[in-house]
N, C-alpha and C. Protein backbone atom coordinates (compact mmCIF):
# COMPACT_ATOMS: atom_id res chain seq x y z
N MET A 1 -31.34 -81.81 12.13
CA MET A 1 -32.41 -81.39 13.08
C MET A 1 -32.51 -79.81 12.86
N ASP A 2 -33.84 -79.31 12.61
CA ASP A 2 -34.11 -77.86 12.67
C ASP A 2 -34.24 -77.32 14.16
N VAL A 3 -34.98 -78.02 15.16
CA VAL A 3 -35.19 -77.52 16.47
C VAL A 3 -35.33 -79.02 17.00
N ILE A 4 -34.61 -78.87 18.59
CA ILE A 4 -34.99 -80.04 19.32
C ILE A 4 -35.80 -79.52 20.45
N LEU A 5 -36.78 -80.16 21.03
CA LEU A 5 -37.50 -79.83 22.03
C LEU A 5 -37.25 -80.60 23.21
N ILE A 6 -37.05 -80.33 24.54
CA ILE A 6 -36.79 -81.16 25.65
C ILE A 6 -37.70 -80.75 26.75
N GLY A 7 -37.79 -81.42 27.67
CA GLY A 7 -38.65 -80.87 28.78
C GLY A 7 -39.25 -82.22 29.63
N PHE A 8 -39.60 -81.97 30.68
CA PHE A 8 -40.51 -83.05 31.47
C PHE A 8 -41.72 -83.65 30.71
N MET A 9 -41.91 -84.76 30.94
CA MET A 9 -43.44 -85.19 30.54
C MET A 9 -44.56 -84.31 30.77
N GLY A 10 -45.44 -84.42 29.66
CA GLY A 10 -46.47 -83.43 29.86
C GLY A 10 -46.26 -82.00 29.64
N SER A 11 -44.97 -81.51 29.19
CA SER A 11 -44.69 -80.20 29.08
C SER A 11 -45.13 -79.66 27.74
N GLY A 12 -45.45 -80.52 27.02
CA GLY A 12 -46.00 -80.24 25.63
C GLY A 12 -44.98 -80.43 24.42
N LYS A 13 -44.05 -81.31 24.71
CA LYS A 13 -43.06 -81.30 23.53
C LYS A 13 -43.75 -81.88 22.37
N THR A 14 -44.66 -83.00 22.42
CA THR A 14 -45.13 -83.51 21.19
C THR A 14 -46.02 -82.41 20.48
N THR A 15 -47.00 -82.06 21.34
CA THR A 15 -48.00 -81.10 20.73
C THR A 15 -47.45 -79.80 20.09
N ILE A 16 -46.49 -79.23 20.85
CA ILE A 16 -45.60 -78.05 20.15
C ILE A 16 -44.77 -78.64 19.08
N GLY A 17 -44.22 -79.65 19.09
CA GLY A 17 -43.42 -80.29 18.06
C GLY A 17 -44.26 -80.46 16.83
N LYS A 18 -45.33 -81.04 17.03
CA LYS A 18 -46.15 -81.07 15.67
C LYS A 18 -46.49 -79.84 15.07
N LEU A 19 -47.11 -79.00 15.74
CA LEU A 19 -47.46 -77.51 15.35
C LEU A 19 -46.12 -76.96 14.88
N LEU A 20 -45.22 -76.94 15.32
CA LEU A 20 -44.06 -76.29 14.86
C LEU A 20 -43.37 -76.85 13.64
N ALA A 21 -43.41 -78.22 13.32
CA ALA A 21 -43.24 -78.70 12.25
C ALA A 21 -44.16 -78.44 11.09
N GLU A 22 -45.30 -78.47 11.31
CA GLU A 22 -46.38 -77.91 10.51
C GLU A 22 -46.00 -76.32 9.94
N MET A 23 -45.90 -75.70 10.96
CA MET A 23 -45.50 -74.50 10.63
C MET A 23 -44.18 -74.24 9.59
N LEU A 24 -43.21 -75.04 10.04
CA LEU A 24 -42.01 -74.92 9.24
C LEU A 24 -41.90 -75.80 7.81
N LEU A 25 -42.83 -76.49 7.77
CA LEU A 25 -43.13 -77.48 6.51
C LEU A 25 -42.03 -78.47 6.60
N VAL A 26 -41.51 -79.23 7.89
CA VAL A 26 -40.45 -79.99 7.99
C VAL A 26 -41.43 -81.38 8.70
N PRO A 27 -40.59 -82.43 8.89
CA PRO A 27 -41.17 -83.48 9.37
C PRO A 27 -40.99 -83.41 10.93
N HIS A 28 -41.91 -84.05 11.75
CA HIS A 28 -41.97 -83.96 13.30
C HIS A 28 -41.47 -85.45 13.57
N THR A 29 -40.56 -85.60 14.63
CA THR A 29 -40.04 -86.95 15.20
C THR A 29 -40.20 -86.95 16.59
N ASP A 30 -40.92 -87.81 17.08
CA ASP A 30 -41.11 -88.10 18.58
C ASP A 30 -40.17 -89.14 18.60
N LEU A 31 -39.08 -89.01 19.51
CA LEU A 31 -38.16 -89.83 19.95
C LEU A 31 -38.70 -91.12 20.67
N ASP A 32 -39.55 -91.01 21.59
CA ASP A 32 -40.14 -92.02 22.27
C ASP A 32 -40.83 -93.00 21.07
N GLN A 33 -41.73 -92.40 20.30
CA GLN A 33 -42.09 -93.13 19.48
C GLN A 33 -41.21 -94.12 18.28
N LYS A 34 -40.08 -93.51 18.12
CA LYS A 34 -38.91 -93.84 17.41
C LYS A 34 -38.48 -95.24 18.29
N ILE A 35 -38.42 -94.96 19.34
CA ILE A 35 -38.01 -96.04 20.45
C ILE A 35 -38.81 -97.21 20.47
N VAL A 36 -40.04 -96.95 20.56
CA VAL A 36 -41.19 -97.84 20.50
C VAL A 36 -41.01 -98.65 19.04
N GLU A 37 -41.15 -98.17 18.01
CA GLU A 37 -40.95 -98.60 16.76
C GLU A 37 -39.59 -99.62 16.77
N SER A 38 -38.33 -99.23 17.10
CA SER A 38 -37.38 -100.05 17.27
C SER A 38 -37.33 -101.02 18.06
N ALA A 39 -37.89 -100.88 19.27
CA ALA A 39 -38.07 -101.92 20.26
C ALA A 39 -39.03 -102.95 19.91
N GLY A 40 -39.98 -102.64 19.42
CA GLY A 40 -41.41 -103.37 19.01
C GLY A 40 -42.01 -103.64 20.14
N GLN A 41 -42.17 -102.65 21.25
CA GLN A 41 -42.68 -102.76 22.45
C GLN A 41 -42.74 -101.33 22.99
N THR A 42 -43.69 -101.37 24.02
CA THR A 42 -43.88 -100.10 24.64
C THR A 42 -42.79 -99.86 25.49
N ILE A 43 -42.42 -98.48 25.82
CA ILE A 43 -41.12 -98.36 26.60
C ILE A 43 -41.51 -98.84 28.08
N LYS A 44 -42.73 -98.86 28.45
CA LYS A 44 -42.87 -99.50 29.93
C LYS A 44 -42.50 -100.82 29.90
N ASP A 45 -42.86 -101.80 28.91
CA ASP A 45 -42.50 -103.22 28.70
C ASP A 45 -40.85 -103.20 28.39
N PHE A 46 -40.33 -102.34 27.71
CA PHE A 46 -38.90 -102.48 27.58
C PHE A 46 -38.16 -102.09 29.03
N PHE A 47 -38.62 -101.28 29.59
CA PHE A 47 -38.03 -100.86 31.04
C PHE A 47 -38.12 -102.19 31.67
N SER A 48 -39.37 -102.76 31.72
CA SER A 48 -39.60 -103.77 32.71
C SER A 48 -38.71 -105.14 32.39
N LYS A 49 -38.29 -105.40 31.03
CA LYS A 49 -37.70 -106.47 30.53
C LYS A 49 -36.24 -106.28 30.67
N TYR A 50 -35.92 -104.97 30.06
CA TYR A 50 -34.26 -104.73 30.11
C TYR A 50 -33.71 -103.85 31.09
N GLY A 51 -34.45 -103.03 31.72
CA GLY A 51 -34.16 -102.15 32.63
C GLY A 51 -33.55 -100.68 32.07
N GLU A 52 -33.46 -99.65 32.84
CA GLU A 52 -33.28 -98.36 32.32
C GLU A 52 -31.85 -98.17 31.81
N VAL A 53 -30.88 -98.93 32.08
CA VAL A 53 -29.46 -98.82 31.29
C VAL A 53 -29.69 -99.24 29.95
N LYS A 54 -30.37 -100.29 29.57
CA LYS A 54 -30.74 -100.61 28.30
C LYS A 54 -31.32 -99.67 27.53
N PHE A 55 -32.46 -99.30 28.24
CA PHE A 55 -33.24 -98.26 27.53
C PHE A 55 -32.66 -96.98 27.21
N ARG A 56 -31.79 -96.60 28.01
CA ARG A 56 -30.83 -95.27 27.65
C ARG A 56 -29.76 -95.52 26.73
N GLU A 57 -29.42 -96.70 26.47
CA GLU A 57 -28.25 -97.07 25.56
C GLU A 57 -29.34 -97.03 24.13
N LEU A 58 -30.51 -97.57 24.27
CA LEU A 58 -31.13 -97.47 22.85
C LEU A 58 -31.63 -96.10 22.51
N GLU A 59 -32.13 -95.56 23.59
CA GLU A 59 -32.52 -94.02 23.11
C GLU A 59 -31.29 -93.21 22.75
N HIS A 60 -30.22 -93.37 23.22
CA HIS A 60 -28.89 -92.79 22.74
C HIS A 60 -28.57 -93.00 21.43
N ARG A 61 -28.72 -94.43 20.91
CA ARG A 61 -28.57 -94.67 19.53
C ARG A 61 -29.57 -94.05 18.54
N ILE A 62 -30.72 -93.94 19.03
CA ILE A 62 -31.89 -93.60 18.12
C ILE A 62 -31.68 -91.96 18.00
N LEU A 63 -31.38 -91.34 19.10
CA LEU A 63 -31.00 -89.80 19.20
C LEU A 63 -30.02 -89.56 17.94
N LEU A 64 -28.78 -90.33 18.09
CA LEU A 64 -27.91 -90.00 17.13
C LEU A 64 -28.30 -89.98 15.75
N ASN A 65 -29.11 -91.03 15.58
CA ASN A 65 -29.74 -91.24 14.08
C ASN A 65 -30.50 -90.20 13.78
N GLN A 66 -31.28 -89.80 14.65
CA GLN A 66 -32.25 -88.65 14.49
C GLN A 66 -31.70 -87.45 14.11
N LEU A 67 -30.59 -86.95 14.75
CA LEU A 67 -30.03 -85.70 14.74
C LEU A 67 -29.41 -85.36 13.20
N LYS A 68 -29.25 -86.70 12.44
CA LYS A 68 -28.69 -86.58 11.16
C LYS A 68 -29.89 -86.13 10.16
N LYS A 69 -31.08 -85.98 10.61
CA LYS A 69 -32.21 -85.69 9.84
C LYS A 69 -32.69 -84.27 9.94
N ASN A 70 -33.65 -84.08 9.01
CA ASN A 70 -34.09 -82.60 9.00
C ASN A 70 -35.36 -82.76 9.84
N GLY A 71 -35.77 -81.48 10.57
CA GLY A 71 -37.29 -81.45 11.11
C GLY A 71 -37.10 -81.15 12.64
N VAL A 72 -38.41 -81.41 13.27
CA VAL A 72 -38.60 -81.05 14.71
C VAL A 72 -38.55 -82.26 15.38
N LEU A 73 -37.57 -82.35 16.41
CA LEU A 73 -37.27 -83.55 17.19
C LEU A 73 -38.01 -83.31 18.73
N SER A 74 -39.11 -84.12 19.21
CA SER A 74 -39.47 -84.18 20.52
C SER A 74 -38.89 -85.36 21.23
N THR A 75 -38.03 -84.77 22.18
CA THR A 75 -37.41 -85.98 22.94
C THR A 75 -38.11 -86.31 23.96
N GLY A 76 -37.74 -87.61 24.66
CA GLY A 76 -38.27 -87.98 25.70
C GLY A 76 -37.90 -87.07 27.06
N GLY A 77 -38.92 -87.37 27.97
CA GLY A 77 -38.45 -86.55 29.20
C GLY A 77 -37.17 -86.73 29.99
N GLY A 78 -36.58 -87.75 29.80
CA GLY A 78 -35.29 -88.41 30.49
C GLY A 78 -34.26 -88.34 29.47
N THR A 79 -34.31 -87.86 28.32
CA THR A 79 -33.29 -88.00 27.39
C THR A 79 -32.22 -87.16 27.71
N PRO A 80 -32.23 -85.76 28.39
CA PRO A 80 -31.08 -85.23 28.83
C PRO A 80 -30.20 -85.83 29.82
N ILE A 81 -30.82 -86.62 30.62
CA ILE A 81 -30.29 -87.20 31.98
C ILE A 81 -29.25 -88.12 31.73
N ASN A 82 -29.14 -88.73 30.54
CA ASN A 82 -27.94 -89.62 30.29
C ASN A 82 -26.86 -88.54 29.71
N ILE A 83 -25.73 -88.64 30.28
CA ILE A 83 -24.68 -87.80 30.21
C ILE A 83 -24.45 -87.73 28.73
N GLN A 84 -24.15 -88.90 27.95
CA GLN A 84 -23.91 -89.06 26.56
C GLN A 84 -24.79 -87.88 25.64
N ASN A 85 -26.13 -88.14 26.08
CA ASN A 85 -26.99 -87.29 25.38
C ASN A 85 -26.94 -85.78 25.64
N LEU A 86 -26.74 -85.55 26.93
CA LEU A 86 -26.77 -84.25 27.45
C LEU A 86 -25.38 -83.36 26.65
N GLU A 87 -24.33 -84.11 26.50
CA GLU A 87 -23.12 -83.68 25.85
C GLU A 87 -23.41 -83.41 24.35
N ILE A 88 -24.26 -84.55 23.68
CA ILE A 88 -24.55 -84.03 22.33
C ILE A 88 -25.64 -83.04 22.26
N LEU A 89 -26.53 -82.77 23.05
CA LEU A 89 -27.39 -81.59 23.01
C LEU A 89 -26.86 -80.15 23.55
N GLN A 90 -25.76 -80.37 24.17
CA GLN A 90 -24.90 -79.07 24.60
C GLN A 90 -24.11 -78.70 23.39
N ALA A 91 -23.52 -79.78 22.54
CA ALA A 91 -22.78 -79.59 21.51
C ALA A 91 -23.40 -79.26 20.25
N THR A 92 -24.60 -79.50 19.98
CA THR A 92 -25.14 -79.42 18.76
C THR A 92 -25.74 -77.86 18.27
N LYS A 93 -25.52 -77.72 16.96
CA LYS A 93 -25.86 -76.38 16.70
C LYS A 93 -27.31 -75.85 16.53
N THR A 94 -28.14 -77.18 16.50
CA THR A 94 -29.38 -77.04 16.26
C THR A 94 -30.16 -76.38 17.66
N PRO A 95 -30.97 -75.42 17.55
CA PRO A 95 -31.54 -75.01 18.71
C PRO A 95 -32.45 -75.69 19.70
N VAL A 96 -32.06 -75.85 20.83
CA VAL A 96 -32.56 -76.76 21.74
C VAL A 96 -33.57 -75.77 22.76
N ILE A 97 -34.81 -76.31 22.70
CA ILE A 97 -35.85 -75.44 23.44
C ILE A 97 -36.52 -76.12 24.49
N LEU A 98 -36.34 -75.66 25.70
CA LEU A 98 -36.88 -76.37 27.04
C LEU A 98 -38.32 -75.77 27.27
N LEU A 99 -39.24 -76.73 27.18
CA LEU A 99 -40.60 -76.66 27.57
C LEU A 99 -40.85 -76.82 28.93
N GLU A 100 -41.28 -76.08 29.72
CA GLU A 100 -41.65 -76.25 31.16
C GLU A 100 -43.03 -76.17 31.54
N ALA A 101 -43.21 -76.88 32.58
CA ALA A 101 -44.69 -76.81 33.04
C ALA A 101 -44.73 -77.19 34.68
N SER A 102 -45.53 -76.77 35.32
CA SER A 102 -45.53 -76.89 36.61
C SER A 102 -46.12 -78.45 36.90
N THR A 103 -45.81 -78.86 38.13
CA THR A 103 -46.38 -80.04 38.41
C THR A 103 -47.83 -80.17 38.27
N ASN A 104 -48.74 -79.17 38.89
CA ASN A 104 -49.98 -79.10 38.66
C ASN A 104 -50.68 -79.26 36.97
N THR A 105 -49.76 -78.54 36.40
CA THR A 105 -50.05 -78.62 34.86
C THR A 105 -49.74 -79.88 34.44
N ILE A 106 -48.69 -80.49 34.77
CA ILE A 106 -48.41 -81.99 34.25
C ILE A 106 -49.31 -82.84 34.53
N LEU A 107 -49.72 -82.73 35.67
CA LEU A 107 -51.09 -83.64 36.41
C LEU A 107 -52.27 -83.46 35.59
N GLU A 108 -52.60 -82.29 35.36
CA GLU A 108 -53.79 -81.98 34.37
C GLU A 108 -53.82 -82.79 33.21
N ARG A 109 -52.43 -82.65 32.46
CA ARG A 109 -52.36 -83.00 31.17
C ARG A 109 -52.23 -84.51 31.10
N VAL A 110 -51.47 -85.30 31.95
CA VAL A 110 -51.34 -86.51 31.65
C VAL A 110 -51.53 -87.33 32.92
N GLY A 111 -51.95 -86.83 34.07
CA GLY A 111 -52.25 -87.61 35.16
C GLY A 111 -53.23 -88.66 35.19
N LYS A 112 -54.04 -89.02 34.28
CA LYS A 112 -54.91 -89.99 34.13
C LYS A 112 -54.47 -91.01 32.82
N SER A 113 -53.49 -90.57 32.28
CA SER A 113 -53.16 -91.17 31.00
C SER A 113 -52.53 -92.68 31.47
N GLU A 114 -53.15 -93.65 30.71
CA GLU A 114 -52.70 -94.80 30.62
C GLU A 114 -51.26 -95.00 30.27
N GLU A 115 -51.05 -94.15 29.27
CA GLU A 115 -49.80 -94.22 28.64
C GLU A 115 -48.56 -93.54 29.42
N ARG A 116 -48.82 -93.13 30.47
CA ARG A 116 -47.82 -92.53 31.53
C ARG A 116 -48.07 -93.08 32.66
N PRO A 117 -47.70 -94.49 32.91
CA PRO A 117 -48.07 -95.09 34.13
C PRO A 117 -46.90 -94.47 35.44
N LEU A 118 -45.88 -93.90 34.85
CA LEU A 118 -44.92 -93.35 35.83
C LEU A 118 -45.74 -92.45 36.85
N VAL A 119 -46.37 -91.55 36.01
CA VAL A 119 -47.32 -90.39 36.97
C VAL A 119 -48.45 -90.93 37.72
N ASN A 120 -48.80 -92.08 37.41
CA ASN A 120 -50.17 -92.51 37.96
C ASN A 120 -49.62 -93.13 39.36
N GLN A 121 -48.22 -93.72 39.25
CA GLN A 121 -47.68 -94.28 40.49
C GLN A 121 -46.87 -93.21 41.34
N MET A 122 -46.85 -92.08 41.09
CA MET A 122 -46.23 -91.05 41.84
C MET A 122 -47.09 -90.15 42.51
N SER A 123 -46.77 -89.81 43.86
CA SER A 123 -47.45 -88.61 44.43
C SER A 123 -47.16 -87.43 43.97
N THR A 124 -47.91 -86.36 44.09
CA THR A 124 -47.32 -85.22 43.79
C THR A 124 -46.17 -84.71 44.15
N ARG A 125 -45.69 -85.15 45.46
CA ARG A 125 -44.47 -84.69 45.80
C ARG A 125 -43.33 -85.29 45.28
N GLN A 126 -43.36 -86.73 44.80
CA GLN A 126 -42.46 -87.36 44.05
C GLN A 126 -42.39 -86.97 42.85
N LEU A 127 -43.45 -86.36 41.91
CA LEU A 127 -43.37 -85.96 40.78
C LEU A 127 -42.53 -84.62 40.59
N THR A 128 -42.91 -83.68 41.70
CA THR A 128 -42.12 -82.48 41.81
C THR A 128 -40.84 -82.71 42.07
N SER A 129 -40.38 -83.61 42.93
CA SER A 129 -39.03 -84.01 43.19
C SER A 129 -38.30 -84.60 41.94
N LEU A 130 -39.01 -85.30 41.21
CA LEU A 130 -38.30 -85.87 39.91
C LEU A 130 -38.16 -84.85 38.94
N ARG A 131 -39.18 -83.84 38.80
CA ARG A 131 -38.73 -82.67 37.89
C ARG A 131 -37.85 -81.93 38.26
N ALA A 132 -37.68 -81.51 39.77
CA ALA A 132 -36.37 -80.66 40.20
C ALA A 132 -35.12 -81.47 39.87
N GLU A 133 -35.14 -82.72 40.04
CA GLU A 133 -34.04 -83.53 39.80
C GLU A 133 -33.41 -83.46 38.33
N ARG A 134 -34.49 -83.23 37.44
CA ARG A 134 -34.04 -83.17 36.05
C ARG A 134 -33.91 -81.91 35.58
N MET A 135 -34.44 -80.82 36.20
CA MET A 135 -34.30 -79.35 35.83
C MET A 135 -32.68 -79.08 35.43
N PRO A 136 -31.67 -79.30 36.19
CA PRO A 136 -30.45 -78.81 36.00
C PRO A 136 -29.81 -79.59 34.69
N PHE A 137 -30.45 -80.62 34.35
CA PHE A 137 -29.85 -81.33 32.86
C PHE A 137 -30.52 -80.59 31.72
N TYR A 138 -31.90 -80.22 31.91
CA TYR A 138 -32.36 -79.49 30.93
C TYR A 138 -31.82 -78.08 30.69
N GLN A 139 -31.80 -77.56 31.71
CA GLN A 139 -31.02 -76.15 31.77
C GLN A 139 -29.75 -76.18 31.28
N GLU A 140 -28.86 -77.32 31.46
CA GLU A 140 -27.43 -77.38 31.07
C GLU A 140 -27.46 -77.29 29.21
N CYS A 141 -28.49 -77.69 28.73
CA CYS A 141 -28.51 -77.64 27.04
C CYS A 141 -29.42 -76.84 26.60
N ALA A 142 -30.41 -76.15 27.19
CA ALA A 142 -31.38 -75.44 26.43
C ALA A 142 -30.76 -74.07 26.07
N ASP A 143 -31.29 -73.81 24.79
CA ASP A 143 -30.87 -72.48 24.30
C ASP A 143 -32.10 -71.40 24.67
N LEU A 144 -33.27 -71.73 24.83
CA LEU A 144 -34.55 -71.09 25.15
C LEU A 144 -35.38 -71.70 26.34
N ARG A 145 -35.88 -71.16 27.19
CA ARG A 145 -36.86 -71.80 28.04
C ARG A 145 -38.19 -71.24 28.20
N ILE A 146 -39.07 -72.02 27.94
CA ILE A 146 -40.41 -71.34 27.68
C ILE A 146 -41.35 -72.22 28.84
N ASN A 147 -42.17 -71.53 29.39
CA ASN A 147 -43.16 -72.14 30.59
C ASN A 147 -44.37 -72.08 29.68
N THR A 148 -45.07 -73.34 29.73
CA THR A 148 -46.23 -73.53 28.87
C THR A 148 -47.48 -73.60 29.68
N ASP A 149 -47.31 -73.36 30.96
CA ASP A 149 -48.46 -73.23 31.87
C ASP A 149 -49.57 -72.13 31.31
N ASN A 150 -50.84 -72.27 31.31
CA ASN A 150 -51.75 -71.50 31.00
C ASN A 150 -51.49 -70.79 29.59
N ARG A 151 -50.89 -71.38 28.62
CA ARG A 151 -50.60 -70.81 27.29
C ARG A 151 -51.05 -71.84 26.23
N SER A 152 -51.44 -71.31 24.94
CA SER A 152 -51.91 -72.16 24.01
C SER A 152 -50.98 -72.62 23.23
N PRO A 153 -51.00 -73.83 22.78
CA PRO A 153 -49.81 -74.31 21.92
C PRO A 153 -49.56 -73.44 20.68
N VAL A 154 -50.42 -72.82 20.04
CA VAL A 154 -50.28 -71.95 18.97
C VAL A 154 -49.28 -70.83 19.47
N GLU A 155 -49.57 -70.07 20.65
CA GLU A 155 -48.89 -68.97 21.18
C GLU A 155 -47.41 -69.60 21.61
N ILE A 156 -47.25 -70.64 21.92
CA ILE A 156 -45.90 -71.26 22.26
C ILE A 156 -45.00 -71.54 21.00
N THR A 157 -45.68 -72.18 19.92
CA THR A 157 -45.33 -72.37 18.73
C THR A 157 -44.61 -71.20 18.09
N GLU A 158 -45.37 -70.05 18.12
CA GLU A 158 -45.21 -68.62 17.40
C GLU A 158 -43.98 -68.14 17.87
N GLN A 159 -43.94 -68.21 19.59
CA GLN A 159 -42.81 -67.63 20.32
C GLN A 159 -41.64 -68.55 19.98
N ILE A 160 -41.59 -69.85 19.70
CA ILE A 160 -40.32 -70.51 19.07
C ILE A 160 -39.97 -70.01 17.81
N TYR A 161 -41.07 -70.04 16.94
CA TYR A 161 -40.86 -69.34 15.51
C TYR A 161 -39.93 -68.02 15.70
N ARG A 162 -40.53 -66.90 16.47
CA ARG A 162 -40.02 -65.97 16.57
C ARG A 162 -38.62 -65.89 17.01
N TYR A 163 -38.31 -66.68 17.92
CA TYR A 163 -37.00 -66.91 18.37
C TYR A 163 -36.08 -67.48 17.41
N LEU A 164 -36.34 -68.24 16.65
CA LEU A 164 -35.49 -68.94 15.53
C LEU A 164 -35.11 -67.54 14.52
N LEU A 165 -36.15 -66.82 14.21
CA LEU A 165 -35.91 -65.78 13.35
C LEU A 165 -35.19 -64.76 14.02
N ASP A 166 -35.55 -64.34 15.23
CA ASP A 166 -34.53 -63.24 16.03
C ASP A 166 -33.01 -63.77 16.06
N THR A 167 -32.85 -64.94 16.16
CA THR A 167 -31.51 -65.67 16.23
C THR A 167 -30.73 -65.98 15.32
N ASN A 168 -31.37 -65.49 14.05
CA ASN A 168 -31.00 -66.14 12.61
C ASN A 168 -30.78 -67.66 12.57
N GLN A 169 -31.41 -68.32 13.43
CA GLN A 169 -31.47 -69.77 13.35
C GLN A 169 -32.26 -70.48 12.30
N TYR A 170 -33.02 -69.79 11.72
CA TYR A 170 -34.12 -70.18 10.54
C TYR A 170 -34.46 -68.75 9.95
N SER A 171 -34.41 -69.10 8.43
CA SER A 171 -34.65 -67.82 7.51
C SER A 171 -35.92 -68.06 7.24
N ILE A 172 -36.36 -66.72 7.04
CA ILE A 172 -38.01 -66.61 6.52
C ILE A 172 -38.34 -67.43 5.12
N ASN A 173 -39.04 -68.41 5.11
CA ASN A 173 -39.46 -69.39 4.08
C ASN A 173 -40.71 -68.77 3.70
N SER A 174 -40.86 -68.81 2.51
CA SER A 174 -42.28 -68.43 1.80
C SER A 174 -43.29 -69.59 1.77
N LYS A 175 -42.73 -70.72 2.48
CA LYS A 175 -43.49 -71.88 2.64
C LYS A 175 -44.12 -71.93 4.04
N VAL A 176 -43.51 -71.39 4.91
CA VAL A 176 -43.94 -71.15 6.34
C VAL A 176 -45.71 -71.04 6.41
N LYS A 177 -46.09 -71.83 7.17
CA LYS A 177 -47.57 -71.52 7.32
C LYS A 177 -47.85 -70.94 8.90
N PHE A 178 -48.81 -69.77 8.63
CA PHE A 178 -49.41 -69.38 9.98
C PHE A 178 -50.98 -69.49 10.14
């Protein structure tokens, strides 16, 4: 992988991941989508049928497989809470970028989404609590933290690209699109 994006649901991982991959002219992979493809069912259905432990096992296997490939990887919001995944993300030489968003921003982005039933079932307080529980895991493996509140996807993508250049994690490529 060239870049790994982590963060809570609704923080912008997929949107930013697609833009960054387009800019770098590399593939974008959404880990949750790969899980759906592998399981042959939605994440919600998989959770209902097999539970979180089996889901995290599947997620871990797919994460290991995806890390062998090039491109930008957008992880699921809970990926780093699995200790095996956290250790992998901490040890990887691939830049891990944490995208952060406030509870209000998350609710604005995904609060009414039928694809995000967890959000629809939670109060604002519960959502804030879950974000707070996950934040230490995110921070443990993040090389860079970016708040996405009130910022355009293009602005965030350009910030990540500048970080990659500044830290020599990516060389200037004549193919890069702006």
